[in-house]
């Protein structure tokens, strides 16, 4: 499936999809095994780390033509307070996300494949691509330059 407004294709599996009897409303659910963020901090895009339910909503809108209402949510089964987080205003968020994806694609085409937030994390799956042995000094030296180059993506990373 291609994300609207881009030529970026995505694939994957939706954890759960509930379709109304009339076929006009859909609810997609992304199950999470970790600790819920808490009610004071409703996750939206979590700085770009929480894109799944937004991408689920894209997929549903594009694959099910008769659907007019899409609800996307996160469900943390271990959450003490239910652990259910609905995505507020998915249509507006999807438009914003498409803009960020277009911007990121322009950076890729220009060769700006720079580490963003989370690259310093010890559980980063792509840490093998970073300079070995000098990881800490690399980020200390380069973080200001990376932030300057990727300034147009900063708004995505600041979305909680």
C-alpha atoms as a PDB file:
ATOM      1  CA  UNK A   1       0.000   0.000   0.000  1.00  0.00           C
ATOM      2  CA  UNK A   2       1.281   3.483  -0.877  1.00  0.00           C
ATOM      3  CA  UNK A   3       0.924   6.264   1.685  1.00  0.00           C
ATOM      4  CA  UNK A   4      -1.303   8.989   0.155  1.00  0.00           C
ATOM      5  CA  UNK A   5       0.597  12.031  -1.059  1.00  0.00           C
ATOM      6  CA  UNK A   6       3.869  10.083  -1.287  1.00  0.00           C
ATOM      7  CA  UNK A   7       5.315   7.259  -3.317  1.00  0.00           C
ATOM      8  CA  UNK A   8       6.362   5.407  -0.145  1.00  0.00           C
ATOM      9  CA  UNK A   9       4.957   1.887   0.063  1.00  0.00           C
ATOM     10  CA  UNK A  10       4.378   0.046   3.331  1.00  0.00           C
ATOM     11  CA  UNK A  11       3.371  -3.498   4.217  1.00  0.00           C
ATOM     12  CA  UNK A  12       2.581  -5.482   7.311  1.00  0.00           C
ATOM     13  CA  UNK A  13      -0.190  -7.018   9.361  1.00  0.00           C
ATOM     14  CA  UNK A  14      -2.846  -5.322  11.452  1.00  0.00           C
ATOM     15  CA  UNK A  15      -3.178  -6.810  14.941  1.00  0.00           C
ATOM     16  CA  UNK A  16      -6.961  -6.432  15.050  1.00  0.00           C
ATOM     17  CA  UNK A  17      -9.573  -4.963  12.717  1.00  0.00           C
ATOM     18  CA  UNK A  18     -13.247  -4.557  13.635  1.00  0.00           C
ATOM     19  CA  UNK A  19     -15.614  -3.659  10.791  1.00  0.00           C
ATOM     20  CA  UNK A  20     -19.160  -2.411  11.438  1.00  0.00           C
ATOM     21  CA  UNK A  21     -22.071  -4.379  10.016  1.00  0.00           C
ATOM     22  CA  UNK A  22     -22.755  -1.618   7.482  1.00  0.00           C
ATOM     23  CA  UNK A  23     -19.087  -1.638   6.438  1.00  0.00           C
ATOM     24  CA  UNK A  24     -18.685   2.108   6.929  1.00  0.00           C
ATOM     25  CA  UNK A  25     -16.834   2.191  10.264  1.00  0.00           C
ATOM     26  CA  UNK A  26     -13.608   0.449  11.189  1.00  0.00           C
ATOM     27  CA  UNK A  27     -11.608   0.210  14.388  1.00  0.00           C
ATOM     28  CA  UNK A  28      -7.982  -0.914  14.203  1.00  0.00           C
ATOM     29  CA  UNK A  29      -6.123  -1.985  17.317  1.00  0.00           C
ATOM     30  CA  UNK A  30      -2.373  -2.210  17.837  1.00  0.00           C
ATOM     31  CA  UNK A  31      -1.560  -4.431  20.831  1.00  0.00           C
ATOM     32  CA  UNK A  32       1.449  -3.402  22.902  1.00  0.00           C
ATOM     33  CA  UNK A  33       3.295  -5.668  25.324  1.00  0.00           C
ATOM     34  CA  UNK A  34       5.199  -2.956  27.184  1.00  0.00           C
ATOM     35  CA  UNK A  35       4.261  -0.646  30.008  1.00  0.00           C
ATOM     36  CA  UNK A  36       1.455   1.840  29.238  1.00  0.00           C
ATOM     37  CA  UNK A  37       2.478   5.508  29.123  1.00  0.00           C
ATOM     38  CA  UNK A  38      -0.143   6.558  31.697  1.00  0.00           C
ATOM     39  CA  UNK A  39      -3.227   8.710  31.328  1.00  0.00           C
ATOM     40  CA  UNK A  40      -1.354  12.000  31.655  1.00  0.00           C
ATOM     41  CA  UNK A  41       0.671  11.249  28.540  1.00  0.00           C
ATOM     42  CA  UNK A  42      -1.587  10.189  25.664  1.00  0.00           C
ATOM     43  CA  UNK A  43       0.734   8.823  22.974  1.00  0.00           C
ATOM     44  CA  UNK A  44       0.283  10.385  19.544  1.00  0.00           C
ATOM     45  CA  UNK A  45       3.324   9.685  17.394  1.00  0.00           C
ATOM     46  CA  UNK A  46       5.823   9.382  20.262  1.00  0.00           C
ATOM     47  CA  UNK A  47       8.435  11.320  18.360  1.00  0.00           C
ATOM     48  CA  UNK A  48       8.047   9.056  15.316  1.00  0.00           C
ATOM     49  CA  UNK A  49       8.466   5.819  17.265  1.00  0.00           C
ATOM     50  CA  UNK A  50       4.717   5.150  17.386  1.00  0.00           C
ATOM     51  CA  UNK A  51       3.673   5.103  13.749  1.00  0.00           C
ATOM     52  CA  UNK A  52       1.951   1.729  13.583  1.00  0.00           C
ATOM     53  CA  UNK A  53      -1.601   2.695  14.373  1.00  0.00           C
ATOM     54  CA  UNK A  54      -1.361   5.704  12.047  1.00  0.00           C
ATOM     55  CA  UNK A  55      -0.139   3.437   9.276  1.00  0.00           C
ATOM     56  CA  UNK A  56      -2.942   0.987  10.082  1.00  0.00           C
ATOM     57  CA  UNK A  57      -5.426   3.817   9.564  1.00  0.00           C
ATOM     58  CA  UNK A  58      -3.799   4.637   6.194  1.00  0.00           C
ATOM     59  CA  UNK A  59      -4.088   1.006   5.140  1.00  0.00           C
ATOM     60  CA  UNK A  60      -7.742   0.738   6.141  1.00  0.00           C
ATOM     61  CA  UNK A  61      -8.690   3.969   4.369  1.00  0.00           C
ATOM     62  CA  UNK A  62      -6.970   2.861   1.193  1.00  0.00           C
ATOM     63  CA  UNK A  63      -8.004  -0.813   1.145  1.00  0.00           C
ATOM     64  CA  UNK A  64     -11.640  -0.500   2.260  1.00  0.00           C
ATOM     65  CA  UNK A  65     -13.264   1.975  -0.117  1.00  0.00           C
ATOM     66  CA  UNK A  66     -16.662   2.196   1.636  1.00  0.00           C
ATOM     67  CA  UNK A  67     -15.211   3.154   5.016  1.00  0.00           C
ATOM     68  CA  UNK A  68     -15.935   6.701   6.156  1.00  0.00           C
ATOM     69  CA  UNK A  69     -14.975   6.443   9.830  1.00  0.00           C
ATOM     70  CA  UNK A  70     -11.671   4.976  11.037  1.00  0.00           C
ATOM     71  CA  UNK A  71     -10.740   4.710  14.706  1.00  0.00           C
ATOM     72  CA  UNK A  72      -7.178   3.706  15.592  1.00  0.00           C
ATOM     73  CA  UNK A  73      -6.083   2.735  19.069  1.00  0.00           C
ATOM     74  CA  UNK A  74      -3.311   1.233  21.162  1.00  0.00           C
ATOM     75  CA  UNK A  75      -4.124  -1.458  23.683  1.00  0.00           C
ATOM     76  CA  UNK A  76      -1.783  -2.389  26.518  1.00  0.00           C
ATOM     77  CA  UNK A  77      -3.386  -5.572  27.949  1.00  0.00           C
ATOM     78  CA  UNK A  78      -1.256  -5.350  31.103  1.00  0.00           C
ATOM     79  CA  UNK A  79      -2.387  -1.792  31.820  1.00  0.00           C
ATOM     80  CA  UNK A  80      -3.946  -1.414  35.267  1.00  0.00           C
ATOM     81  CA  UNK A  81      -6.403   1.228  34.053  1.00  0.00           C
ATOM     82  CA  UNK A  82      -7.435  -0.619  30.894  1.00  0.00           C
ATOM     83  CA  UNK A  83      -4.469   0.558  28.851  1.00  0.00           C
ATOM     84  CA  UNK A  84      -6.593   1.746  25.915  1.00  0.00           C
ATOM     85  CA  UNK A  85      -5.473   4.836  23.952  1.00  0.00           C
ATOM     86  CA  UNK A  86      -7.546   6.129  21.044  1.00  0.00           C
ATOM     87  CA  UNK A  87      -5.917   8.255  18.376  1.00  0.00           C
ATOM     88  CA  UNK A  88      -7.588  11.666  18.425  1.00  0.00           C
ATOM     89  CA  UNK A  89      -8.398  13.169  15.011  1.00  0.00           C
ATOM     90  CA  UNK A  90      -6.748  10.500  12.829  1.00  0.00           C
ATOM     91  CA  UNK A  91      -7.513  12.347   9.550  1.00  0.00           C
ATOM     92  CA  UNK A  92      -5.573  15.477  10.589  1.00  0.00           C
ATOM     93  CA  UNK A  93      -2.746  13.396  12.017  1.00  0.00           C
ATOM     94  CA  UNK A  94      -2.491  11.295   8.855  1.00  0.00           C
ATOM     95  CA  UNK A  95      -2.130  14.450   6.759  1.00  0.00           C
ATOM     96  CA  UNK A  96       0.632  15.732   9.050  1.00  0.00           C
ATOM     97  CA  UNK A  97       2.355  12.363   8.991  1.00  0.00           C
ATOM     98  CA  UNK A  98       2.276  12.289   5.166  1.00  0.00           C
ATOM     99  CA  UNK A  99       4.031  15.667   5.206  1.00  0.00           C
ATOM    100  CA  UNK A 100       6.758  14.322   7.498  1.00  0.00           C
ATOM    101  CA  UNK A 101       7.137  11.244   5.301  1.00  0.00           C
ATOM    102  CA  UNK A 102       7.544  13.436   2.186  1.00  0.00           C
ATOM    103  CA  UNK A 103      10.156  15.513   4.020  1.00  0.00           C
ATOM    104  CA  UNK A 104      12.024  12.421   5.218  1.00  0.00           C
ATOM    105  CA  UNK A 105      11.932  11.007   1.689  1.00  0.00           C
ATOM    106  CA  UNK A 106      13.482  14.223   0.355  1.00  0.00           C
ATOM    107  CA  UNK A 107      16.282  13.869   2.905  1.00  0.00           C
ATOM    108  CA  UNK A 108      16.894  10.265   1.826  1.00  0.00           C
ATOM    109  CA  UNK A 109      17.007  11.258  -1.856  1.00  0.00           C
ATOM    110  CA  UNK A 110      19.442  14.082  -0.998  1.00  0.00           C
ATOM    111  CA  UNK A 111      21.661  11.602   0.869  1.00  0.00           C
ATOM    112  CA  UNK A 112      20.885  13.004   4.325  1.00  0.00           C
ATOM    113  CA  UNK A 113      20.724   9.628   6.039  1.00  0.00           C
ATOM    114  CA  UNK A 114      21.549  10.953   9.465  1.00  0.00           C
ATOM    115  CA  UNK A 115      20.803   9.490  12.898  1.00  0.00           C
ATOM    116  CA  UNK A 116      17.740  10.980  14.544  1.00  0.00           C
ATOM    117  CA  UNK A 117      16.405  10.732  18.081  1.00  0.00           C
ATOM    118  CA  UNK A 118      16.728   7.261  19.528  1.00  0.00           C
ATOM    119  CA  UNK A 119      19.912   6.477  17.610  1.00  0.00           C
ATOM    120  CA  UNK A 120      21.888   6.684  20.868  1.00  0.00           C
ATOM    121  CA  UNK A 121      19.602   4.154  22.553  1.00  0.00           C
ATOM    122  CA  UNK A 122      21.385   0.971  23.588  1.00  0.00           C
ATOM    123  CA  UNK A 123      18.547  -1.100  22.070  1.00  0.00           C
ATOM    124  CA  UNK A 124      18.764   0.618  18.661  1.00  0.00           C
ATOM    125  CA  UNK A 125      18.539  -2.177  16.060  1.00  0.00           C
ATOM    126  CA  UNK A 126      20.624  -0.095  13.645  1.00  0.00           C
ATOM    127  CA  UNK A 127      23.455   0.704  16.076  1.00  0.00           C
ATOM    128  CA  UNK A 128      25.754  -1.541  14.027  1.00  0.00           C
ATOM    129  CA  UNK A 129      25.839   1.199  11.346  1.00  0.00           C
ATOM    130  CA  UNK A 130      27.267   3.773  13.761  1.00  0.00           C
ATOM    131  CA  UNK A 131      30.998   4.316  14.225  1.00  0.00           C
ATOM    132  CA  UNK A 132      32.237   1.533  16.488  1.00  0.00           C
ATOM    133  CA  UNK A 133      33.923   2.327  19.769  1.00  0.00           C
ATOM    134  CA  UNK A 134      33.380   6.056  19.426  1.00  0.00           C
ATOM    135  CA  UNK A 135      29.609   6.130  19.600  1.00  0.00           C
ATOM    136  CA  UNK A 136      29.390   8.586  22.510  1.00  0.00           C
ATOM    137  CA  UNK A 137      31.927  11.016  21.068  1.00  0.00           C
ATOM    138  CA  UNK A 138      30.273  10.735  17.641  1.00  0.00           C
ATOM    139  CA  UNK A 139      26.942  11.938  19.038  1.00  0.00           C
ATOM    140  CA  UNK A 140      28.613  14.668  21.103  1.00  0.00           C
ATOM    141  CA  UNK A 141      30.397  15.996  17.999  1.00  0.00           C
ATOM    142  CA  UNK A 142      27.627  15.552  15.453  1.00  0.00           C
ATOM    143  CA  UNK A 143      24.305  16.117  17.264  1.00  0.00           C
ATOM    144  CA  UNK A 144      24.181  19.892  16.644  1.00  0.00           C
ATOM    145  CA  UNK A 145      25.017  19.432  12.943  1.00  0.00           C
ATOM    146  CA  UNK A 146      22.409  16.670  12.555  1.00  0.00           C
ATOM    147  CA  UNK A 147      19.766  18.818  14.271  1.00  0.00           C
ATOM    148  CA  UNK A 148      20.571  21.716  11.934  1.00  0.00           C
ATOM    149  CA  UNK A 149      20.368  19.528   8.816  1.00  0.00           C
ATOM    150  CA  UNK A 150      17.125  17.803   9.864  1.00  0.00           C
ATOM    151  CA  UNK A 151      15.412  20.870  11.371  1.00  0.00           C
ATOM    152  CA  UNK A 152      12.303  20.323   9.225  1.00  0.00           C
ATOM    153  CA  UNK A 153      11.688  16.967  10.945  1.00  0.00           C
ATOM    154  CA  UNK A 154      12.082  18.349  14.480  1.00  0.00           C
ATOM    155  CA  UNK A 155       8.320  18.909  14.830  1.00  0.00           C
ATOM    156  CA  UNK A 156       7.740  15.153  14.301  1.00  0.00           C
ATOM    157  CA  UNK A 157      10.234  14.216  16.996  1.00  0.00           C
ATOM    158  CA  UNK A 158       8.610  16.618  19.448  1.00  0.00           C
ATOM    159  CA  UNK A 159       5.137  15.073  19.040  1.00  0.00           C
ATOM    160  CA  UNK A 160       4.416  12.917  22.042  1.00  0.00           C
END
